[in-house]
C-alpha atoms as a PDB file:
ATOM      1  CA  MET A   1       5.976 -13.585  -3.640  1.00  0.00           C
ATOM      2  CA  PHE A   2       8.138 -16.137  -1.817  1.00  0.00           C
ATOM      3  CA  THR A   3       8.838 -19.584  -3.332  1.00  0.00           C
ATOM      4  CA  LEU A   4      10.758 -22.226  -1.420  1.00  0.00           C
ATOM      5  CA  HIS A   5      12.756 -24.792  -3.418  1.00  0.00           C
ATOM      6  CA  ARG A   6      14.345 -27.891  -1.871  1.00  0.00           C
ATOM      7  CA  ARG A   7      15.711 -31.190  -3.180  1.00  0.00           C
ATOM      8  CA  ARG A   8      14.489 -33.283  -0.292  1.00  0.00           C
ATOM      9  CA  ASN A   9      11.975 -33.016   2.510  1.00  0.00           C
ATOM     10  CA  PRO A  10      13.744 -30.915   5.186  1.00  0.00           C
ATOM     11  CA  LEU A  11      11.284 -32.083   7.820  1.00  0.00           C
ATOM     12  CA  ALA A  12      12.784 -35.563   7.558  1.00  0.00           C
ATOM     13  CA  ASN A  13      15.726 -34.096   9.459  1.00  0.00           C
ATOM     14  CA  PRO A  14      14.692 -32.258  12.669  1.00  0.00           C
ATOM     15  CA  ALA A  15      17.548 -29.752  12.392  1.00  0.00           C
ATOM     16  CA  ARG A  16      16.690 -28.886   8.782  1.00  0.00           C
ATOM     17  CA  GLY A  17      13.021 -28.722   9.684  1.00  0.00           C
ATOM     18  CA  LEU A  18      13.718 -26.232  12.471  1.00  0.00           C
ATOM     19  CA  LEU A  19      15.829 -24.094  10.117  1.00  0.00           C
ATOM     20  CA  LEU A  20      13.045 -24.034   7.519  1.00  0.00           C
ATOM     21  CA  LEU A  21      10.482 -23.103  10.173  1.00  0.00           C
ATOM     22  CA  LYS A  22      12.670 -20.197  11.325  1.00  0.00           C
ATOM     23  CA  MET A  23      13.059 -19.025   7.717  1.00  0.00           C
ATOM     24  CA  LEU A  24       9.312 -19.151   7.089  1.00  0.00           C
ATOM     25  CA  VAL A  25       8.626 -17.128  10.228  1.00  0.00           C
ATOM     26  CA  ALA A  26      11.256 -14.561   9.215  1.00  0.00           C
ATOM     27  CA  LEU A  27       9.874 -14.289   5.657  1.00  0.00           C
ATOM     28  CA  ASN A  28       6.344 -13.918   7.008  1.00  0.00           C
ATOM     29  CA  PHE A  29       7.382 -10.647   8.685  1.00  0.00           C
ATOM     30  CA  LEU A  30       9.509  -9.339   5.794  1.00  0.00           C
ATOM     31  CA  THR A  31       7.473  -6.567   4.181  1.00  0.00           C
ATOM     32  CA  THR A  32       7.645  -5.356   0.598  1.00  0.00           C
ATOM     33  CA  ALA A  33       9.009  -2.021   1.810  1.00  0.00           C
ATOM     34  CA  GLN A  34      11.832  -3.774   3.663  1.00  0.00           C
ATOM     35  CA  VAL A  35      12.696  -5.882   0.624  1.00  0.00           C
ATOM     36  CA  THR A  36      12.628  -2.791  -1.614  1.00  0.00           C
ATOM     37  CA  ALA A  37      15.040  -1.000   0.687  1.00  0.00           C
ATOM     38  CA  GLN A  38      17.382  -3.979   0.841  1.00  0.00           C
ATOM     39  CA  ILE A  39      17.764  -4.445  -2.916  1.00  0.00           C
ATOM     40  CA  GLY A  40      17.553  -0.715  -3.632  1.00  0.00           C
ATOM     41  CA  ILE A  41      14.716  -0.503  -6.182  1.00  0.00           C
ATOM     42  CA  GLY A  42      12.301   2.423  -6.157  1.00  0.00           C
ATOM     43  CA  VAL A  43      10.184   4.687  -8.317  1.00  0.00           C
ATOM     44  CA  SER A  44       9.889   8.459  -8.548  1.00  0.00           C
ATOM     45  CA  PRO A  45       7.313   9.799  -8.077  1.00  0.00           C
ATOM     46  CA  PRO A  46       5.576   6.983  -6.184  1.00  0.00           C
ATOM     47  CA  HIS A  47       2.177   8.252  -7.286  1.00  0.00           C
ATOM     48  CA  LYS A  48       0.559  10.769  -9.621  1.00  0.00           C
ATOM     49  CA  GLU A  49      -2.890  12.315  -9.382  1.00  0.00           C
ATOM     50  CA  PHE A  50      -4.871  13.640 -12.356  1.00  0.00           C
ATOM     51  CA  THR A  51      -8.191  15.519 -12.398  1.00  0.00           C
ATOM     52  CA  LEU A  52      -9.706  15.333 -15.878  1.00  0.00           C
ATOM     53  CA  PRO A  53     -13.098  15.649 -17.575  1.00  0.00           C
ATOM     54  CA  PRO A  54     -14.567  12.821 -19.684  1.00  0.00           C
ATOM     55  CA  GLY A  55     -12.519  12.757 -22.882  1.00  0.00           C
ATOM     56  CA  GLY A  56      -9.593  14.494 -21.129  1.00  0.00           C
ATOM     57  CA  LEU A  57      -5.956  13.730 -21.882  1.00  0.00           C
ATOM     58  CA  ALA A  58      -2.861  14.132 -19.682  1.00  0.00           C
ATOM     59  CA  ARG A  59       0.742  12.940 -19.727  1.00  0.00           C
ATOM     60  CA  GLY A  60       2.911  11.597 -16.938  1.00  0.00           C
ATOM     61  CA  ARG A  61       6.377  10.198 -16.307  1.00  0.00           C
ATOM     62  CA  ALA A  62       7.688   7.594 -13.883  1.00  0.00           C
ATOM     63  CA  VAL A  63      11.332   6.683 -13.305  1.00  0.00           C
ATOM     64  CA  PHE A  64      12.148   3.249 -11.870  1.00  0.00           C
ATOM     65  CA  PHE A  65      15.658   3.138 -10.418  1.00  0.00           C
ATOM     66  CA  THR A  66      18.157   1.045  -8.498  1.00  0.00           C
ATOM     67  CA  GLN A  67      20.643   2.318  -5.942  1.00  0.00           C
ATOM     68  CA  HIS A  68      22.500  -0.922  -5.192  1.00  0.00           C
ATOM     69  CA  HIS A  69      23.250  -2.132  -8.747  1.00  0.00           C
ATOM     70  CA  TYR A  70      20.417  -4.658  -8.801  1.00  0.00           C
ATOM     71  CA  ARG A  71      21.537  -7.575 -11.013  1.00  0.00           C
ATOM     72  CA  GLY A  72      18.223  -9.298 -11.564  1.00  0.00           C
ATOM     73  CA  THR A  73      15.808  -9.002 -14.452  1.00  0.00           C
ATOM     74  CA  PHE A  74      12.363  -7.407 -14.304  1.00  0.00           C
ATOM     75  CA  THR A  75       9.249  -6.779 -16.342  1.00  0.00           C
ATOM     76  CA  LEU A  76       6.951  -3.759 -16.550  1.00  0.00           C
ATOM     77  CA  ASN A  77       3.198  -3.791 -17.014  1.00  0.00           C
ATOM     78  CA  ILE A  78       0.046  -1.753 -16.433  1.00  0.00           C
ATOM     79  CA  SER A  79      -2.025  -3.283 -13.662  1.00  0.00           C
ATOM     80  CA  ASP A  80      -5.052  -2.834 -11.472  1.00  0.00           C
ATOM     81  CA  TRP A  81      -4.546  -2.901  -7.707  1.00  0.00           C
ATOM     82  CA  THR A  82      -6.181  -2.609  -4.332  1.00  0.00           C
ATOM     83  CA  ILE A  83      -5.027  -2.024  -0.751  1.00  0.00           C
ATOM     84  CA  ASP A  84      -5.007  -4.453   2.159  1.00  0.00           C
ATOM     85  CA  PRO A  85      -7.328  -2.675   4.643  1.00  0.00           C
ATOM     86  CA  ARG A  86      -5.323  -3.900   7.655  1.00  0.00           C
ATOM     87  CA  THR A  87      -1.770  -3.120   6.546  1.00  0.00           C
ATOM     88  CA  GLY A  88      -2.083  -0.529   3.783  1.00  0.00           C
ATOM     89  CA  VAL A  89       0.031  -2.734   1.493  1.00  0.00           C
ATOM     90  CA  VAL A  90      -0.722  -2.333  -2.224  1.00  0.00           C
ATOM     91  CA  ILE A  91      -1.789  -5.588  -3.917  1.00  0.00           C
ATOM     92  CA  ALA A  92      -1.692  -6.126  -7.689  1.00  0.00           C
ATOM     93  CA  LEU A  93      -4.871  -7.409  -9.352  1.00  0.00           C
ATOM     94  CA  SER A  94      -5.554  -9.061 -12.679  1.00  0.00           C
ATOM     95  CA  PRO A  95      -6.665  -6.630 -15.430  1.00  0.00           C
ATOM     96  CA  GLN A  96     -10.181  -5.294 -15.042  1.00  0.00           C
ATOM     97  CA  LYS A  97     -10.634  -6.915 -11.621  1.00  0.00           C
ATOM     98  CA  SER A  98     -11.135  -3.528  -9.981  1.00  0.00           C
ATOM     99  CA  PRO A  99     -14.591  -1.945 -10.373  1.00  0.00           C
ATOM    100  CA  TYR A 100     -12.843   1.423 -10.657  1.00  0.00           C
ATOM    101  CA  SER A 101     -10.098   0.392 -13.051  1.00  0.00           C
ATOM    102  CA  ALA A 102      -8.256   3.046 -15.053  1.00  0.00           C
ATOM    103  CA  SER A 103      -5.781   0.555 -16.552  1.00  0.00           C
ATOM    104  CA  SER A 104      -7.357   0.703 -20.022  1.00  0.00           C
ATOM    105  CA  TRP A 105      -7.012   4.511 -19.977  1.00  0.00           C
ATOM    106  CA  ILE A 106      -3.204   4.369 -19.707  1.00  0.00           C
ATOM    107  CA  LYS A 107      -0.980   4.058 -22.759  1.00  0.00           C
ATOM    108  CA  ALA A 108       2.776   3.578 -22.423  1.00  0.00           C
ATOM    109  CA  LYS A 109       5.645   2.119 -24.426  1.00  0.00           C
ATOM    110  CA  ILE A 110       6.491  -0.809 -22.193  1.00  0.00           C
ATOM    111  CA  PRO A 111       8.943  -3.467 -23.431  1.00  0.00           C
ATOM    112  CA  ALA A 112       7.501  -6.966 -23.622  1.00  0.00           C
ATOM    113  CA  ASP A 113      10.802  -8.696 -22.796  1.00  0.00           C
ATOM    114  CA  PRO A 114      12.517  -8.830 -19.394  1.00  0.00           C
ATOM    115  CA  LEU A 115      14.845  -5.896 -18.715  1.00  0.00           C
ATOM    116  CA  ARG A 116      17.954  -5.185 -16.667  1.00  0.00           C
ATOM    117  CA  PHE A 117      19.360  -2.063 -15.068  1.00  0.00           C
ATOM    118  CA  ALA A 118      22.629  -1.128 -16.784  1.00  0.00           C
ATOM    119  CA  ASP A 119      25.678  -0.162 -14.692  1.00  0.00           C
ATOM    120  CA  ASP A 120      25.896   3.165 -16.528  1.00  0.00           C
ATOM    121  CA  ARG A 121      22.122   3.707 -16.550  1.00  0.00           C
ATOM    122  CA  PRO A 122      20.595   2.604 -13.225  1.00  0.00           C
ATOM    123  CA  GLU A 123      17.123   3.893 -14.114  1.00  0.00           C
ATOM    124  CA  VAL A 124      14.281   3.204 -16.546  1.00  0.00           C
ATOM    125  CA  PRO A 125      12.033   6.188 -17.402  1.00  0.00           C
ATOM    126  CA  ILE A 126       8.503   5.500 -18.617  1.00  0.00           C
ATOM    127  CA  GLN A 127       6.435   8.127 -20.415  1.00  0.00           C
ATOM    128  CA  TYR A 128       2.686   7.539 -20.460  1.00  0.00           C
ATOM    129  CA  GLU A 129      -0.638   9.096 -21.409  1.00  0.00           C
ATOM    130  CA  VAL A 130      -3.928   9.020 -19.522  1.00  0.00           C
ATOM    131  CA  ASN A 131      -6.882   9.247 -21.892  1.00  0.00           C
ATOM    132  CA  VAL A 132     -10.254   9.305 -20.124  1.00  0.00           C
ATOM    133  CA  PRO A 133     -13.117   7.847 -22.212  1.00  0.00           C
ATOM    134  CA  ASN A 134     -15.717  10.385 -23.282  1.00  0.00           C
ATOM    135  CA  ILE A 135     -18.472   8.801 -21.181  1.00  0.00           C
ATOM    136  CA  PRO A 136     -20.736  11.317 -19.397  1.00  0.00           C
ATOM    137  CA  THR A 137     -21.676   8.868 -16.625  1.00  0.00           C
ATOM    138  CA  LEU A 138     -18.118   8.608 -15.284  1.00  0.00           C
ATOM    139  CA  GLU A 139     -17.822  10.054 -11.790  1.00  0.00           C
ATOM    140  CA  GLY A 140     -15.432  10.057  -8.847  1.00  0.00           C
ATOM    141  CA  SER A 141     -11.999   8.428  -8.673  1.00  0.00           C
ATOM    142  CA  TYR A 142     -10.449   5.601 -10.686  1.00  0.00           C
ATOM    143  CA  TRP A 143      -6.951   4.140 -10.434  1.00  0.00           C
ATOM    144  CA  ALA A 144      -4.303   1.883 -11.958  1.00  0.00           C
ATOM    145  CA  ALA A 145      -0.515   1.469 -11.748  1.00  0.00           C
ATOM    146  CA  ILE A 146       2.604   0.907 -13.769  1.00  0.00           C
ATOM    147  CA  VAL A 147       4.288  -2.007 -12.008  1.00  0.00           C
ATOM    148  CA  LEU A 148       7.889  -3.183 -12.035  1.00  0.00           C
ATOM    149  CA  HIS A 149       7.987  -6.903 -11.219  1.00  0.00           C
ATOM    150  CA  THR A 150      11.331  -8.471 -10.399  1.00  0.00           C
ATOM    151  CA  LEU A 151      11.834 -12.019 -11.625  1.00  0.00           C
ATOM    152  CA  PRO A 152      12.871 -14.458  -8.861  1.00  0.00           C
ATOM    153  CA  ILE A 153      16.552 -14.582  -7.949  1.00  0.00           C
ATOM    154  CA  PRO A 154      17.745 -17.708  -6.087  1.00  0.00           C
ATOM    155  CA  SER A 155      19.323 -16.903  -2.723  1.00  0.00           C
ATOM    156  CA  GLN A 156      21.489 -19.581  -1.122  1.00  0.00           C
ATOM    157  CA  PHE A 157      20.915 -20.221   2.583  1.00  0.00           C
ATOM    158  CA  GLU A 158      22.805 -22.601   4.825  1.00  0.00           C
ATOM    159  CA  ARG A 159      22.299 -26.367   4.548  1.00  0.00           C
ATOM    160  CA  GLY A 160      21.275 -26.264   0.890  1.00  0.00           C
ATOM    161  CA  ILE A 161      17.944 -24.461   1.256  1.00  0.00           C
ATOM    162  CA  LYS A 162      17.242 -21.930  -1.488  1.00  0.00           C
ATOM    163  CA  VAL A 163      14.712 -19.090  -1.450  1.00  0.00           C
ATOM    164  CA  LYS A 164      13.534 -17.340  -4.591  1.00  0.00           C
ATOM    165  CA  LEU A 165      12.323 -13.810  -3.948  1.00  0.00           C
ATOM    166  CA  SER A 166      10.358 -11.510  -6.244  1.00  0.00           C
ATOM    167  CA  MET A 167       8.611  -8.226  -5.605  1.00  0.00           C
ATOM    168  CA  ASN A 168       6.497  -5.471  -7.138  1.00  0.00           C
ATOM    169  CA  VAL A 169       7.222  -1.734  -7.215  1.00  0.00           C
ATOM    170  CA  PHE A 170       4.182   0.445  -8.011  1.00  0.00           C
ATOM    171  CA  HIS A 171       3.854   3.828  -9.691  1.00  0.00           C
ATOM    172  CA  ILE A 172       0.266   4.570  -8.621  1.00  0.00           C
ATOM    173  CA  ILE A 173      -1.981   6.587 -10.943  1.00  0.00           C
ATOM    174  CA  TYR A 174      -5.211   8.178  -9.678  1.00  0.00           C
ATOM    175  CA  VAL A 175      -7.714   9.748 -12.076  1.00  0.00           C
ATOM    176  CA  THR A 176     -10.606  11.802 -10.699  1.00  0.00           C
ATOM    177  CA  ILE A 177     -13.387  12.977 -12.987  1.00  0.00           C
ATOM    178  CA  GLU A 178     -13.492  16.763 -12.782  1.00  0.00           C
ATOM    179  CA  GLY A 179     -16.589  18.279 -11.181  1.00  0.00           C
ATOM    180  CA  THR A 180     -18.035  14.982  -9.910  1.00  0.00           C
ATOM    181  CA  GLU A 181     -16.192  14.755  -6.581  1.00  0.00           C
ATOM    182  CA  ARG A 182     -18.254  13.785  -3.513  1.00  0.00           C
ATOM    183  CA  PRO A 183     -15.844  13.129  -0.614  1.00  0.00           C
ATOM    184  CA  GLY A 184     -17.229  11.285   2.385  1.00  0.00           C
ATOM    185  CA  ALA A 185     -16.166   8.969   5.212  1.00  0.00           C
ATOM    186  CA  ARG A 186     -17.346   7.713   8.597  1.00  0.00           C
ATOM    187  CA  ILE A 187     -15.885   5.905  11.589  1.00  0.00           C
ATOM    188  CA  VAL A 188     -17.630   2.553  11.866  1.00  0.00           C
ATOM    189  CA  HIS A 189     -15.692   1.217  14.863  1.00  0.00           C
ATOM    190  CA  PHE A 190     -13.249   2.396  17.520  1.00  0.00           C
ATOM    191  CA  GLY A 191     -12.604   0.059  20.436  1.00  0.00           C
ATOM    192  CA  PHE A 192     -10.501  -2.647  22.055  1.00  0.00           C
ATOM    193  CA  GLY A 193      -9.174  -5.797  20.459  1.00  0.00           C
ATOM    194  CA  PRO A 194      -8.697  -9.144  22.273  1.00  0.00           C
ATOM    195  CA  ALA A 195      -7.330  -8.861  25.818  1.00  0.00           C
ATOM    196  CA  LYS A 196      -7.230  -5.079  25.376  1.00  0.00           C
ATOM    197  CA  LYS A 197      -3.776  -5.271  23.803  1.00  0.00           C
ATOM    198  CA  ASN A 198      -4.748  -3.067  20.860  1.00  0.00           C
ATOM    199  CA  LEU A 199      -7.202  -0.403  19.834  1.00  0.00           C
ATOM    200  CA  PHE A 200      -8.901  -0.878  16.471  1.00  0.00           C
ATOM    201  CA  LEU A 201     -10.155   1.986  14.316  1.00  0.00           C
ATOM    202  CA  ASP A 202     -12.193   1.278  11.182  1.00  0.00           C
ATOM    203  CA  VAL A 203     -12.909   4.105   8.729  1.00  0.00           C
ATOM    204  CA  GLU A 204     -15.237   3.585   5.769  1.00  0.00           C
ATOM    205  CA  ASN A 205     -15.328   5.577   2.533  1.00  0.00           C
ATOM    206  CA  THR A 206     -18.898   6.794   1.927  1.00  0.00           C
ATOM    207  CA  GLY A 207     -18.085   9.060  -1.037  1.00  0.00           C
ATOM    208  CA  ASN A 208     -16.896   8.499  -4.591  1.00  0.00           C
ATOM    209  CA  VAL A 209     -13.241   9.636  -4.395  1.00  0.00           C
ATOM    210  CA  PHE A 210     -10.164   8.222  -2.695  1.00  0.00           C
ATOM    211  CA  LEU A 211      -9.022   9.953   0.498  1.00  0.00           C
ATOM    212  CA  ARG A 212      -5.708  10.404   2.286  1.00  0.00           C
ATOM    213  CA  LEU A 213      -6.541   9.964   5.973  1.00  0.00           C
ATOM    214  CA  ARG A 214      -4.613  11.920   8.602  1.00  0.00           C
ATOM    215  CA  THR A 215      -5.349  10.588  12.078  1.00  0.00           C
ATOM    216  CA  THR A 216      -4.399  11.871  15.531  1.00  0.00           C
ATOM    217  CA  LEU A 217      -4.652   9.636  18.619  1.00  0.00           C
ATOM    218  CA  THR A 218      -5.053  11.434  21.960  1.00  0.00           C
ATOM    219  CA  TYR A 219      -5.044  10.255  25.577  1.00  0.00           C
ATOM    220  CA  LYS A 220      -6.783  12.352  28.262  1.00  0.00           C
ATOM    221  CA  ASP A 221      -7.121  12.189  32.034  1.00  0.00           C
ATOM    222  CA  ALA A 222     -10.324  12.439  34.090  1.00  0.00           C
ATOM    223  CA  LYS A 223     -10.270  16.259  33.833  1.00  0.00           C
ATOM    224  CA  GLY A 224     -10.011  16.200  30.056  1.00  0.00           C
ATOM    225  CA  THR A 225      -6.370  17.269  30.068  1.00  0.00           C
ATOM    226  CA  ILE A 226      -4.398  15.954  27.097  1.00  0.00           C
ATOM    227  CA  LEU A 227      -1.631  13.686  28.382  1.00  0.00           C
ATOM    228  CA  LYS A 228      -0.348  12.486  25.039  1.00  0.00           C
ATOM    229  CA  ALA A 229      -1.108  13.047  21.358  1.00  0.00           C
ATOM    230  CA  GLU A 230       0.456  11.274  18.395  1.00  0.00           C
ATOM    231  CA  LYS A 231      -0.113  11.244  14.661  1.00  0.00           C
ATOM    232  CA  LEU A 232      -0.741   7.866  13.084  1.00  0.00           C
ATOM    233  CA  PRO A 233       0.702   7.019   9.645  1.00  0.00           C
ATOM    234  CA  GLU A 234      -1.231   8.452   6.711  1.00  0.00           C
ATOM    235  CA  ARG A 235      -3.466   5.878   5.012  1.00  0.00           C
ATOM    236  CA  VAL A 236      -5.164   5.842   1.618  1.00  0.00           C
ATOM    237  CA  LEU A 237      -8.883   5.005   1.699  1.00  0.00           C
ATOM    238  CA  LEU A 238     -10.267   3.881  -1.671  1.00  0.00           C
ATOM    239  CA  ARG A 239     -13.910   4.353  -2.603  1.00  0.00           C
ATOM    240  CA  ASP A 240     -16.295   1.619  -1.381  1.00  0.00           C
ATOM    241  CA  LEU A 241     -13.596   0.252   0.932  1.00  0.00           C
ATOM    242  CA  LEU A 242     -12.506   0.413   4.563  1.00  0.00           C
ATOM    243  CA  VAL A 243      -9.236   1.126   6.385  1.00  0.00           C
ATOM    244  CA  ARG A 244      -8.369  -0.544   9.684  1.00  0.00           C
ATOM    245  CA  TYR A 245      -5.812   0.887  12.102  1.00  0.00           C
ATOM    246  CA  GLN A 246      -4.406  -1.484  14.723  1.00  0.00           C
ATOM    247  CA  ILE A 247      -2.965   0.637  17.544  1.00  0.00           C
ATOM    248  CA  PRO A 248      -0.845  -1.190  20.162  1.00  0.00           C
ATOM    249  CA  MET A 249      -1.721  -0.301  23.749  1.00  0.00           C
ATOM    250  CA  THR A 250       1.873   0.552  24.654  1.00  0.00           C
ATOM    251  CA  ASP A 251       3.207   3.688  26.320  1.00  0.00           C
ATOM    252  CA  VAL A 252      -0.285   4.677  27.459  1.00  0.00           C
ATOM    253  CA  PRO A 253      -0.074   7.364  30.173  1.00  0.00           C
ATOM    254  CA  GLU A 254      -0.887   5.909  33.592  1.00  0.00           C
ATOM    255  CA  ASP A 255      -3.568   8.516  34.342  1.00  0.00           C
ATOM    256  CA  ALA A 256      -5.286   8.236  30.951  1.00  0.00           C
ATOM    257  CA  VAL A 257      -8.979   7.372  31.179  1.00  0.00           C
ATOM    258  CA  VAL A 258     -10.061   8.185  27.612  1.00  0.00           C
ATOM    259  CA  ALA A 259      -8.532   7.551  24.188  1.00  0.00           C
ATOM    260  CA  SER A 260      -9.860   9.552  21.246  1.00  0.00           C
ATOM    261  CA  VAL A 261      -9.158   9.783  17.534  1.00  0.00           C
ATOM    262  CA  GLU A 262      -9.637  12.638  15.090  1.00  0.00           C
ATOM    263  CA  VAL A 263      -9.546  11.837  11.376  1.00  0.00           C
ATOM    264  CA  THR A 264      -9.232  14.470   8.666  1.00  0.00           C
ATOM    265  CA  ALA A 265      -8.867  14.356   4.874  1.00  0.00           C
ATOM    266  CA  ASP A 266      -8.941  16.899   2.080  1.00  0.00           C
ATOM    267  CA  GLY A 267     -12.524  17.421   0.979  1.00  0.00           C
ATOM    268  CA  LEU A 268     -14.232  16.386   4.218  1.00  0.00           C
ATOM    269  CA  THR A 269     -16.381  19.189   5.607  1.00  0.00           C
ATOM    270  CA  SER A 270     -15.446  18.372   9.221  1.00  0.00           C
ATOM    271  CA  PRO A 271     -13.136  15.993  11.123  1.00  0.00           C
ATOM    272  CA  LEU A 272     -14.336  12.540  12.159  1.00  0.00           C
ATOM    273  CA  TYR A 273     -14.194  11.941  15.921  1.00  0.00           C
ATOM    274  CA  ALA A 274     -14.555   8.953  18.250  1.00  0.00           C
ATOM    275  CA  GLU A 275     -13.477   8.044  21.764  1.00  0.00           C
ATOM    276  CA  VAL A 276     -13.362   5.038  24.062  1.00  0.00           C
ATOM    277  CA  ALA A 277     -13.109   4.764  27.864  1.00  0.00           C
ATOM    278  CA  LEU A 278      -9.907   3.092  29.043  1.00  0.00           C
ATOM    279  CA  LYS A 279     -10.970   2.524  32.656  1.00  0.00           C
END
C-alpha cells in the first residue's frame, strides 16, 4: 500500500508536479518482492502444505525475520488471500471472503499490539495449529495465511514530498482434505496479444485442489526442430481460478514458425499442450 502525503498541491508548481509524476510511475513498478528485499523482511518457510482428514489436527511453525535491522513496527494476523491471475502476486482478503477459507481452522498466539524486531532478536517465531472441522462434506484444497503487515514509515524525498510505505509478508498455509483430491486443469487460450508483442497463455483449474504449474515454452522451425526451449516461472493455480502468463516476444529465433507450451503439475495424468503459428 502506497500513501502520498503533501502539504500543498504539487501540481501548482510544474517542477513539483513533474517530480510527483515520476515518483508515481516509479512506485507503480515497485513490486512487493522488491520492497521486501530492500527492507530485508522475510518468512521461513514461505508456505506449508498439510493433508488432513476431517477432524484432523496438525502443527506448524513460521519464523518472520529481518536481515537489515528493520526499525519499523508491524502487526501479525491470520488472513484469507487470493492470487492476481496476471502477476501471481498474493493479495490479502478480509476474513471469510474466500470461498475456500481455512482461516478459522488456524489457531496461533498472535500479539494484538504492534511489534518490533529487537537488535538481539531479529526474528519472530509463530507456532500454530491447524484443526480441520469434522465435516464429512469437506473436499479438495483450502488455504489461509499468517501475515506480517508493516505499519507505514514516512520516507523523505526531495522538495518536501513524503511517501509512506507499508507491505505484507505471507506465510501461506494450504490444507487438502485427505482422500478427496481431484486434480484437473485445461488450457483455455494460447495466442498473440495486441500488435503481436506478447504471447498469452491462460490455464484454468478444473479440479478441486491447488496446483503448482511448471511450464515450458518451445520454438520450432518448419521441420519441427527445436530451436529454443525455456522454462517459465512456476505459478500457483488455485481451485476455480485461472492463471495468465504474459510472454514477451523477445529473443525469438529467426527461423521459428511455431511456438508451443507444455504445462505439467503434480497430480495431472498427462501434460497440457498448445501451440500457435508464428508466421
